[in-house]
PDB file of N, CA and C in Angstrom:
ATOM      1  N   MET A   1       2.909  -1.290 -10.687  1.00  0.00           N
ATOM      2  CA  MET A   1       2.338  -1.920 -11.956  1.00  0.00           C
ATOM      3  C   MET A   1       1.065  -1.706 -11.782  1.00  0.00           C
ATOM      4  N   PRO A   2      -0.203  -1.395 -12.782  1.00  0.00           N
ATOM      5  CA  PRO A   2      -1.313  -0.711 -12.575  1.00  0.00           C
ATOM      6  C   PRO A   2      -2.105  -2.322 -13.338  1.00  0.00           C
ATOM      7  N   MET A   3      -3.386  -2.253 -12.569  1.00  0.00           N
ATOM      8  CA  MET A   3      -4.065  -3.084 -13.393  1.00  0.00           C
ATOM      9  C   MET A   3      -4.664  -3.055 -14.362  1.00  0.00           C
ATOM     10  N   TYR A   4      -5.403  -4.251 -14.963  1.00  0.00           N
ATOM     11  CA  TYR A   4      -5.734  -3.392 -16.354  1.00  0.00           C
ATOM     12  C   TYR A   4      -7.121  -4.568 -16.537  1.00  0.00           C
ATOM     13  N   GLU A   5      -8.419  -3.745 -16.731  1.00  0.00           N
ATOM     14  CA  GLU A   5      -8.914  -4.969 -16.936  1.00  0.00           C
ATOM     15  C   GLU A   5      -9.760  -5.338 -18.661  1.00  0.00           C
ATOM     16  N   TYR A   6     -10.178  -6.497 -18.932  1.00  0.00           N
ATOM     17  CA  TYR A   6     -10.029  -7.018 -20.065  1.00  0.00           C
ATOM     18  C   TYR A   6     -11.519  -7.401 -20.533  1.00  0.00           C
ATOM     19  N   ARG A   7     -12.164  -7.789 -21.278  1.00  0.00           N
ATOM     20  CA  ARG A   7     -13.485  -8.397 -21.477  1.00  0.00           C
ATOM     21  C   ARG A   7     -13.630  -9.402 -22.977  1.00  0.00           C
ATOM     22  N   CYS A   8     -13.650 -10.268 -23.421  1.00  0.00           N
ATOM     23  CA  CYS A   8     -13.564 -11.233 -24.550  1.00  0.00           C
ATOM     24  C   CYS A   8     -14.643 -10.576 -25.487  1.00  0.00           C
ATOM     25  N   GLN A   9     -14.878 -10.443 -26.263  1.00  0.00           N
ATOM     26  CA  GLN A   9     -15.874 -10.072 -27.168  1.00  0.00           C
ATOM     27  C   GLN A   9     -16.880 -11.403 -27.621  1.00  0.00           C
ATOM     28  N   SER A  10     -15.677 -12.273 -27.591  1.00  0.00           N
ATOM     29  CA  SER A  10     -16.930 -13.615 -28.180  1.00  0.00           C
ATOM     30  C   SER A  10     -17.304 -14.268 -26.887  1.00  0.00           C
ATOM     31  N   CYS A  11     -16.444 -14.609 -25.653  1.00  0.00           N
ATOM     32  CA  CYS A  11     -16.958 -15.374 -24.960  1.00  0.00           C
ATOM     33  C   CYS A  11     -17.828 -14.326 -23.709  1.00  0.00           C
ATOM     34  N   ASP A  12     -17.517 -13.856 -23.703  1.00  0.00           N
ATOM     35  CA  ASP A  12     -17.929 -12.112 -22.366  1.00  0.00           C
ATOM     36  C   ASP A  12     -16.971 -12.605 -20.982  1.00  0.00           C
ATOM     37  N   HIS A  13     -16.247 -13.307 -21.193  1.00  0.00           N
ATOM     38  CA  HIS A  13     -15.573 -13.641 -20.406  1.00  0.00           C
ATOM     39  C   HIS A  13     -14.377 -12.221 -20.008  1.00  0.00           C
ATOM     40  N   GLN A  14     -14.431 -12.055 -18.751  1.00  0.00           N
ATOM     41  CA  GLN A  14     -14.026 -10.800 -18.030  1.00  0.00           C
ATOM     42  C   GLN A  14     -12.234 -11.545 -17.140  1.00  0.00           C
ATOM     43  N   PHE A  15     -11.628 -10.908 -17.043  1.00  0.00           N
ATOM     44  CA  PHE A  15     -10.198 -11.001 -16.574  1.00  0.00           C
ATOM     45  C   PHE A  15      -9.420  -9.908 -16.442  1.00  0.00           C
ATOM     46  N   GLU A  16      -8.501 -10.172 -15.676  1.00  0.00           N
ATOM     47  CA  GLU A  16      -7.169  -8.535 -15.178  1.00  0.00           C
ATOM     48  C   GLU A  16      -5.923  -9.175 -15.526  1.00  0.00           C
ATOM     49  N   LEU A  17      -5.081  -8.005 -15.756  1.00  0.00           N
ATOM     50  CA  LEU A  17      -3.877  -8.490 -15.876  1.00  0.00           C
ATOM     51  C   LEU A  17      -3.167  -6.890 -15.537  1.00  0.00           C
ATOM     52  N   ARG A  18      -1.822  -7.711 -14.372  1.00  0.00           N
ATOM     53  CA  ARG A  18      -1.045  -6.437 -13.950  1.00  0.00           C
ATOM     54  C   ARG A  18      -0.032  -5.898 -14.894  1.00  0.00           C
ATOM     55  N   GLN A  19      -0.103  -5.149 -16.158  1.00  0.00           N
ATOM     56  CA  GLN A  19       0.653  -4.537 -17.036  1.00  0.00           C
ATOM     57  C   GLN A  19       1.786  -3.621 -16.436  1.00  0.00           C
ATOM     58  N   LYS A  20       2.656  -3.098 -17.077  1.00  0.00           N
ATOM     59  CA  LYS A  20       3.682  -2.030 -17.082  1.00  0.00           C
ATOM     60  C   LYS A  20       3.033  -1.393 -17.948  1.00  0.00           C
ATOM     61  N   PHE A  21       3.237   0.276 -17.923  1.00  0.00           N
ATOM     62  CA  PHE A  21       3.185   0.958 -19.052  1.00  0.00           C
ATOM     63  C   PHE A  21       3.135   1.063 -20.113  1.00  0.00           C
ATOM     64  N   SER A  22       5.131  -0.057 -20.132  1.00  0.00           N
ATOM     65  CA  SER A  22       5.217   0.014 -22.105  1.00  0.00           C
ATOM     66  C   SER A  22       4.467  -1.136 -22.381  1.00  0.00           C
ATOM     67  N   ASP A  23       3.942  -2.132 -21.965  1.00  0.00           N
ATOM     68  CA  ASP A  23       3.429  -3.357 -22.411  1.00  0.00           C
ATOM     69  C   ASP A  23       2.489  -3.614 -23.282  1.00  0.00           C
ATOM     70  N   GLN A  24       2.389  -4.364 -24.334  1.00  0.00           N
ATOM     71  CA  GLN A  24       1.225  -4.049 -24.979  1.00  0.00           C
ATOM     72  C   GLN A  24      -0.238  -4.273 -24.796  1.00  0.00           C
ATOM     73  N   PRO A  25      -1.169  -3.805 -24.854  1.00  0.00           N
ATOM     74  CA  PRO A  25      -2.333  -4.624 -24.716  1.00  0.00           C
ATOM     75  C   PRO A  25      -2.813  -5.596 -24.960  1.00  0.00           C
ATOM     76  N   ALA A  26      -3.368  -6.717 -24.298  1.00  0.00           N
ATOM     77  CA  ALA A  26      -3.780  -7.782 -24.162  1.00  0.00           C
ATOM     78  C   ALA A  26      -4.847  -7.962 -25.633  1.00  0.00           C
ATOM     79  N   SER A  27      -4.110  -8.832 -26.137  1.00  0.00           N
ATOM     80  CA  SER A  27      -5.011  -9.656 -27.784  1.00  0.00           C
ATOM     81  C   SER A  27      -5.787 -10.341 -27.487  1.00  0.00           C
ATOM     82  N   GLU A  28      -5.866 -11.461 -26.606  1.00  0.00           N
ATOM     83  CA  GLU A  28      -6.546 -12.891 -26.750  1.00  0.00           C
ATOM     84  C   GLU A  28      -6.700 -13.064 -25.721  1.00  0.00           C
ATOM     85  N   CYS A  29      -8.091 -14.014 -25.222  1.00  0.00           N
ATOM     86  CA  CYS A  29      -8.729 -14.284 -24.399  1.00  0.00           C
ATOM     87  C   CYS A  29      -7.936 -15.503 -24.226  1.00  0.00           C
ATOM     88  N   PRO A  30      -7.974 -15.746 -22.648  1.00  0.00           N
ATOM     89  CA  PRO A  30      -6.598 -16.920 -22.507  1.00  0.00           C
ATOM     90  C   PRO A  30      -8.062 -18.145 -21.808  1.00  0.00           C
ATOM     91  N   GLU A  31      -8.865 -17.429 -22.048  1.00  0.00           N
ATOM     92  CA  GLU A  31     -10.265 -19.120 -21.946  1.00  0.00           C
ATOM     93  C   GLU A  31     -10.109 -19.733 -23.393  1.00  0.00           C
ATOM     94  N   CYS A  32     -11.007 -18.867 -24.299  1.00  0.00           N
ATOM     95  CA  CYS A  32     -11.439 -19.155 -25.863  1.00  0.00           C
ATOM     96  C   CYS A  32     -10.411 -18.448 -26.977  1.00  0.00           C
ATOM     97  N   GLY A  33      -9.789 -17.944 -26.935  1.00  0.00           N
ATOM     98  CA  GLY A  33      -8.514 -17.360 -27.639  1.00  0.00           C
ATOM     99  C   GLY A  33      -9.389 -15.807 -28.406  1.00  0.00           C
ATOM    100  N   GLY A  34     -10.422 -15.348 -28.372  1.00  0.00           N
ATOM    101  CA  GLY A  34     -11.177 -14.328 -28.667  1.00  0.00           C
ATOM    102  C   GLY A  34     -10.472 -13.128 -28.021  1.00  0.00           C
ATOM    103  N   GLN A  35     -10.995 -11.897 -29.721  1.00  0.00           N
ATOM    104  CA  GLN A  35     -10.479 -10.878 -29.472  1.00  0.00           C
ATOM    105  C   GLN A  35     -10.911 -10.508 -28.124  1.00  0.00           C
ATOM    106  N   VAL A  36     -10.326  -9.417 -27.596  1.00  0.00           N
ATOM    107  CA  VAL A  36     -10.631  -8.457 -26.049  1.00  0.00           C
ATOM    108  C   VAL A  36     -10.201  -7.070 -26.508  1.00  0.00           C
ATOM    109  N   GLU A  37     -11.298  -6.867 -25.313  1.00  0.00           N
ATOM    110  CA  GLU A  37     -11.138  -5.522 -25.468  1.00  0.00           C
ATOM    111  C   GLU A  37     -10.961  -4.883 -24.277  1.00  0.00           C
ATOM    112  N   LYS A  38     -10.055  -3.916 -23.876  1.00  0.00           N
ATOM    113  CA  LYS A  38      -9.475  -2.562 -22.836  1.00  0.00           C
ATOM    114  C   LYS A  38     -11.271  -2.045 -21.710  1.00  0.00           C
ATOM    115  N   MET A  39     -11.562  -2.554 -20.812  1.00  0.00           N
ATOM    116  CA  MET A  39     -12.543  -1.833 -20.146  1.00  0.00           C
ATOM    117  C   MET A  39     -12.220  -0.705 -19.068  1.00  0.00           C
ATOM    118  N   ILE A  40     -13.040   0.325 -19.359  1.00  0.00           N
ATOM    119  CA  ILE A  40     -12.674   1.723 -18.639  1.00  0.00           C
ATOM    120  C   ILE A  40     -13.139   1.662 -16.780  1.00  0.00           C
ATOM    121  N   SER A  41     -12.577   1.101 -15.975  1.00  0.00           N
ATOM    122  CA  SER A  41     -12.703   1.044 -14.431  1.00  0.00           C
ATOM    123  C   SER A  41     -12.895   1.876 -13.828  1.00  0.00           C
ATOM    124  N   ALA A  42     -13.557   2.045 -12.671  1.00  0.00           N
ATOM    125  CA  ALA A  42     -13.302   3.076 -11.548  1.00  0.00           C
ATOM    126  C   ALA A  42     -11.824   2.674 -10.723  1.00  0.00           C
ATOM    127  N   THR A  43     -11.720   3.958 -10.579  1.00  0.00           N
ATOM    128  CA  THR A  43     -10.094   3.941  -9.379  1.00  0.00           C
ATOM    129  C   THR A  43     -10.248   3.079  -8.245  1.00  0.00           C
ATOM    130  N   ALA A  44      -9.558   2.667  -7.711  1.00  0.00           N
ATOM    131  CA  ALA A  44      -9.654   2.572  -6.571  1.00  0.00           C
ATOM    132  C   ALA A  44      -9.139   3.598  -5.167  1.00  0.00           C
ATOM    133  N   PHE A  45      -8.057   4.587  -5.705  1.00  0.00           N
ATOM    134  CA  PHE A  45      -7.876   5.132  -5.204  1.00  0.00           C
ATOM    135  C   PHE A  45      -8.590   6.494  -5.141  1.00  0.00           C
ATOM    136  N   SER A  46      -9.012   7.439  -4.074  1.00  0.00           N
ATOM    137  CA  SER A  46      -9.284   8.749  -3.819  1.00  0.00           C
ATOM    138  C   SER A  46      -9.108   9.320  -2.774  1.00  0.00           C
ATOM    139  N   LEU A  47      -9.116  10.822  -3.271  1.00  0.00           N
ATOM    140  CA  LEU A  47      -8.852  11.855  -2.012  1.00  0.00           C
ATOM    141  C   LEU A  47     -10.105  12.481  -1.622  1.00  0.00           C
ATOM    142  N   LYS A  48     -10.454  12.309  -0.398  1.00  0.00           N
ATOM    143  CA  LYS A  48     -11.829  12.741  -0.352  1.00  0.00           C
ATOM    144  C   LYS A  48     -11.470  13.913   1.113  1.00  0.00           C
ATOM    145  N   GLY A  49     -12.428  14.925   1.543  1.00  0.00           N
ATOM    146  CA  GLY A  49     -12.757  15.596   2.442  1.00  0.00           C
ATOM    147  C   GLY A  49     -12.015  17.032   2.521  1.00  0.00           C
ATOM    148  N   SER A  50     -11.988  17.811   3.155  1.00  0.00           N
ATOM    149  CA  SER A  50     -12.004  19.424   2.787  1.00  0.00           C
ATOM    150  C   SER A  50     -10.787  19.426   3.193  1.00  0.00           C
ATOM    151  N   GLY A  51      -9.442  18.896   3.255  1.00  0.00           N
ATOM    152  CA  GLY A  51      -8.137  18.268   3.200  1.00  0.00           C
ATOM    153  C   GLY A  51      -7.349  17.409   3.675  1.00  0.00           C
ATOM    154  N   TRP A  52      -7.237  16.556   2.820  1.00  0.00           N
ATOM    155  CA  TRP A  52      -6.514  15.092   3.486  1.00  0.00           C
ATOM    156  C   TRP A  52      -5.193  15.581   4.085  1.00  0.00           C
ATOM    157  N   PHE A  53      -4.619  16.486   3.622  1.00  0.00           N
ATOM    158  CA  PHE A  53      -2.751  16.873   3.839  1.00  0.00           C
ATOM    159  C   PHE A  53      -3.219  17.651   4.931  1.00  0.00           C
ATOM    160  N   ALA A  54      -3.520  18.489   5.378  1.00  0.00           N
ATOM    161  CA  ALA A  54      -3.982  19.267   6.478  1.00  0.00           C
ATOM    162  C   ALA A  54      -4.358  18.523   7.804  1.00  0.00           C
ATOM    163  N   GLU A  55      -5.211  17.728   7.416  1.00  0.00           N
ATOM    164  CA  GLU A  55      -6.154  16.663   7.845  1.00  0.00           C
ATOM    165  C   GLU A  55      -4.957  15.633   9.030  1.00  0.00           C
ATOM    166  N   GLY A  56      -4.624  14.475   7.851  1.00  0.00           N
ATOM    167  CA  GLY A  56      -3.834  13.836   7.871  1.00  0.00           C
ATOM    168  C   GLY A  56      -2.297  13.707   8.425  1.00  0.00           C
ATOM    169  N   TYR A  57      -1.960  14.812   7.305  1.00  0.00           N
ATOM    170  CA  TYR A  57      -0.005  14.856   7.765  1.00  0.00           C
ATOM    171  C   TYR A  57       0.377  16.045   8.453  1.00  0.00           C
ATOM    172  N   CYS A  58      -0.187  17.303   9.073  1.00  0.00           N
ATOM    173  CA  CYS A  58       0.579  18.056   9.841  1.00  0.00           C
ATOM    174  C   CYS A  58       0.569  17.437  11.185  1.00  0.00           C
ATOM    175  N   PRO A  59       0.821  18.144  11.565  1.00  0.00           N
ATOM    176  CA  PRO A  59       1.543  17.888  13.306  1.00  0.00           C
ATOM    177  C   PRO A  59       0.466  18.502  14.222  1.00  0.00           C
ATOM    178  N   LYS A  60      -0.128  18.086  15.194  1.00  0.00           N
ATOM    179  CA  LYS A  60      -1.251  18.978  15.561  1.00  0.00           C
ATOM    180  C   LYS A  60      -0.832  19.404  17.373  1.00  0.00           C
ATOM    181  N   THR A  61      -0.579  21.554  16.712  1.00  0.00           N
ATOM    182  CA  THR A  61      -0.036  21.970  17.722  1.00  0.00           C
ATOM    183  C   THR A  61      -0.933  22.656  18.011  1.00  0.00           C
ATOM    184  N   ASP A  62      -0.974  23.307  19.326  1.00  0.00           N
ATOM    185  CA  ASP A  62      -1.506  24.788  19.876  1.00  0.00           C
ATOM    186  C   ASP A  62      -0.368  25.875  19.580  1.00  0.00           C
ATOM    187  N   ALA A  63       1.021  25.924  19.102  1.00  0.00           N
ATOM    188  CA  ALA A  63       2.020  26.986  18.364  1.00  0.00           C
ATOM    189  C   ALA A  63       1.029  27.117  17.772  1.00  0.00           C
ATOM    190  N   PRO A  64       1.169  29.249  17.598  1.00  0.00           N
ATOM    191  CA  PRO A  64       0.863  30.045  16.877  1.00  0.00           C
ATOM    192  C   PRO A  64       1.817  29.740  15.131  1.00  0.00           C
ATOM    193  N   LYS A  65       0.973  29.997  14.183  1.00  0.00           N
ATOM    194  CA  LYS A  65       1.337  29.634  13.049  1.00  0.00           C
ATOM    195  C   LYS A  65       1.995  30.511  12.697  1.00  0.00           C
ATOM    196  N   PRO A  66       3.237  30.691  11.597  1.00  0.00           N
ATOM    197  CA  PRO A  66       3.535  32.137  11.138  1.00  0.00           C
ATOM    198  C   PRO A  66       3.046  32.488   9.912  1.00  0.00           C
ATOM    199  N   ALA A  67       3.012  33.677   9.908  1.00  0.00           N
ATOM    200  CA  ALA A  67       2.066  35.024   9.167  1.00  0.00           C
ATOM    201  C   ALA A  67       1.927  34.129   7.961  1.00  0.00           C
ATOM    202  N   ALA A  68       3.058  33.379   7.075  1.00  0.00           N
ATOM    203  CA  ALA A  68       2.725  32.809   6.019  1.00  0.00           C
ATOM    204  C   ALA A  68       1.635  31.573   6.161  1.00  0.00           C
ATOM    205  N   CYS A  69       1.587  31.347   7.150  1.00  0.00           N
ATOM    206  CA  CYS A  69       0.893  29.906   7.596  1.00  0.00           C
ATOM    207  C   CYS A  69      -1.022  30.573   8.153  1.00  0.00           C
ATOM    208  N   ALA A  70      -1.193  31.916   7.906  1.00  0.00           N
ATOM    209  CA  ALA A  70      -2.205  32.502   8.872  1.00  0.00           C
ATOM    210  C   ALA A  70      -3.480  31.519   8.118  1.00  0.00           C
ATOM    211  N   GLY A  71      -3.253  31.723   6.680  1.00  0.00           N
ATOM    212  CA  GLY A  71      -5.182  30.909   6.202  1.00  0.00           C
ATOM    213  C   GLY A  71      -5.415  29.575   6.387  1.00  0.00           C
ATOM    214  N   GLY A  72      -4.144  28.747   7.010  1.00  0.00           N
ATOM    215  CA  GLY A  72      -4.533  27.647   7.647  1.00  0.00           C
ATOM    216  C   GLY A  72      -3.552  27.053   6.681  1.00  0.00           C
ATOM    217  N   GLY A  73      -3.783  25.160   6.851  1.00  0.00           N
ATOM    218  CA  GLY A  73      -3.227  24.343   5.894  1.00  0.00           C
ATOM    219  C   GLY A  73      -1.663  24.147   7.249  1.00  0.00           C
ATOM    220  N   CYS A  74      -0.215  23.481   6.631  1.00  0.00           N
ATOM    221  CA  CYS A  74       0.827  22.585   6.718  1.00  0.00           C
ATOM    222  C   CYS A  74       1.783  23.404   6.335  1.00  0.00           C
ATOM    223  N   CYS A  75       2.542  24.417   7.327  1.00  0.00           N
ATOM    224  CA  CYS A  75       3.689  24.668   6.353  1.00  0.00           C
ATOM    225  C   CYS A  75       5.067  24.408   7.874  1.00  0.00           C
ATOM    226  N   GLY A  76       5.030  22.953   7.991  1.00  0.00           N
ATOM    227  CA  GLY A  76       6.099  22.157   8.028  1.00  0.00           C
ATOM    228  C   GLY A  76       6.268  22.658   9.825  1.00  0.00           C
ATOM    229  N   ALA A  77       4.904  23.024  10.771  1.00  0.00           N
ATOM    230  CA  ALA A  77       5.411  23.509  11.945  1.00  0.00           C
ATOM    231  C   ALA A  77       5.804  22.495  12.961  1.00  0.00           C
TER     232      ALA A  77
END
Protein backbone atom coordinates (compact mmCIF):
# COMPACT_ATOMS: atom_id res chain seq x y z
CA MET A 1 0.00 0.00 0.00
CA PRO A 2 1.29 3.47 -0.80
CA MET A 3 2.12 6.15 1.74
CA TYR A 4 0.48 9.55 1.40
CA GLU A 5 1.55 12.79 3.06
CA TYR A 6 -0.93 15.35 4.32
CA ARG A 7 -0.61 18.83 5.82
CA CYS A 8 -3.18 20.57 8.01
CA GLN A 9 -4.30 23.94 6.68
CA SER A 10 -4.98 25.19 10.24
CA CYS A 11 -2.04 24.08 12.41
CA ASP A 12 0.48 23.15 9.64
CA HIS A 13 0.88 19.63 11.13
CA GLN A 14 2.32 17.16 8.57
CA PHE A 15 1.62 13.43 8.77
CA GLU A 16 1.72 10.28 6.66
CA LEU A 17 -0.97 7.64 6.12
CA ARG A 18 -0.64 4.22 4.55
CA GLN A 19 -3.78 3.88 2.43
CA LYS A 20 -5.18 1.67 -0.31
CA PHE A 21 -5.81 3.25 -3.70
CA SER A 22 -9.52 2.69 -3.08
CA ASP A 23 -9.53 4.48 0.32
CA GLN A 24 -10.98 7.98 0.58
CA PRO A 25 -8.33 10.69 1.15
CA ALA A 26 -7.92 11.97 4.70
CA SER A 27 -10.00 15.07 5.43
CA GLU A 28 -9.28 15.81 9.10
CA CYS A 29 -6.09 16.59 11.02
CA PRO A 30 -5.38 14.12 13.85
CA GLU A 31 -3.96 16.98 15.98
CA CYS A 32 -6.54 19.76 15.72
CA GLY A 33 -9.37 18.39 13.56
CA GLY A 34 -8.73 20.99 10.84
CA GLN A 35 -9.00 20.42 7.11
CA VAL A 36 -6.01 18.73 5.45
CA GLU A 37 -4.57 18.75 1.95
CA LYS A 38 -2.70 15.93 0.23
CA MET A 39 0.92 16.81 -0.51
CA ILE A 40 2.87 15.78 -3.59
CA SER A 41 6.10 14.09 -2.58
CA ALA A 42 9.13 12.77 -4.40
CA THR A 43 9.10 9.02 -4.75
CA ALA A 44 11.72 6.91 -2.98
CA PHE A 45 11.94 4.53 -5.96
CA SER A 46 13.95 5.38 -9.04
CA LEU A 47 15.84 3.49 -11.72
CA LYS A 48 19.16 5.04 -12.63
CA GLY A 49 22.06 4.04 -14.80
CA SER A 50 22.58 2.87 -18.33
CA GLY A 51 20.78 -0.44 -17.97
CA TRP A 52 19.70 -1.63 -14.55
CA PHE A 53 18.21 -4.85 -16.00
CA ALA A 54 21.24 -5.80 -18.09
CA GLU A 55 23.75 -4.85 -15.40
CA GLY A 56 21.93 -6.13 -12.34
CA TYR A 57 19.97 -9.18 -13.47
CA CYS A 58 21.69 -10.76 -16.46
CA PRO A 59 24.10 -13.61 -15.89
CA LYS A 60 27.71 -12.62 -16.48
CA THR A 61 29.12 -15.07 -19.02
CA ASP A 62 31.77 -15.07 -21.72
CA ALA A 63 29.58 -17.24 -23.97
CA PRO A 64 28.72 -15.69 -27.34
CA LYS A 65 25.27 -14.15 -27.51
CA PRO A 66 22.70 -15.37 -30.07
CA ALA A 67 22.29 -13.15 -33.16
CA ALA A 68 19.09 -11.65 -31.72
CA CYS A 69 21.12 -10.37 -28.77
CA ALA A 70 23.98 -8.92 -30.79
CA GLY A 71 23.04 -5.41 -29.70
CA GLY A 72 23.61 -6.28 -26.04
CA GLY A 73 21.12 -6.63 -23.23
CA CYS A 74 19.89 -9.82 -21.68
CA CYS A 75 18.35 -12.57 -23.82
CA GLY A 76 18.13 -15.22 -21.13
CA ALA A 77 21.62 -16.45 -21.93
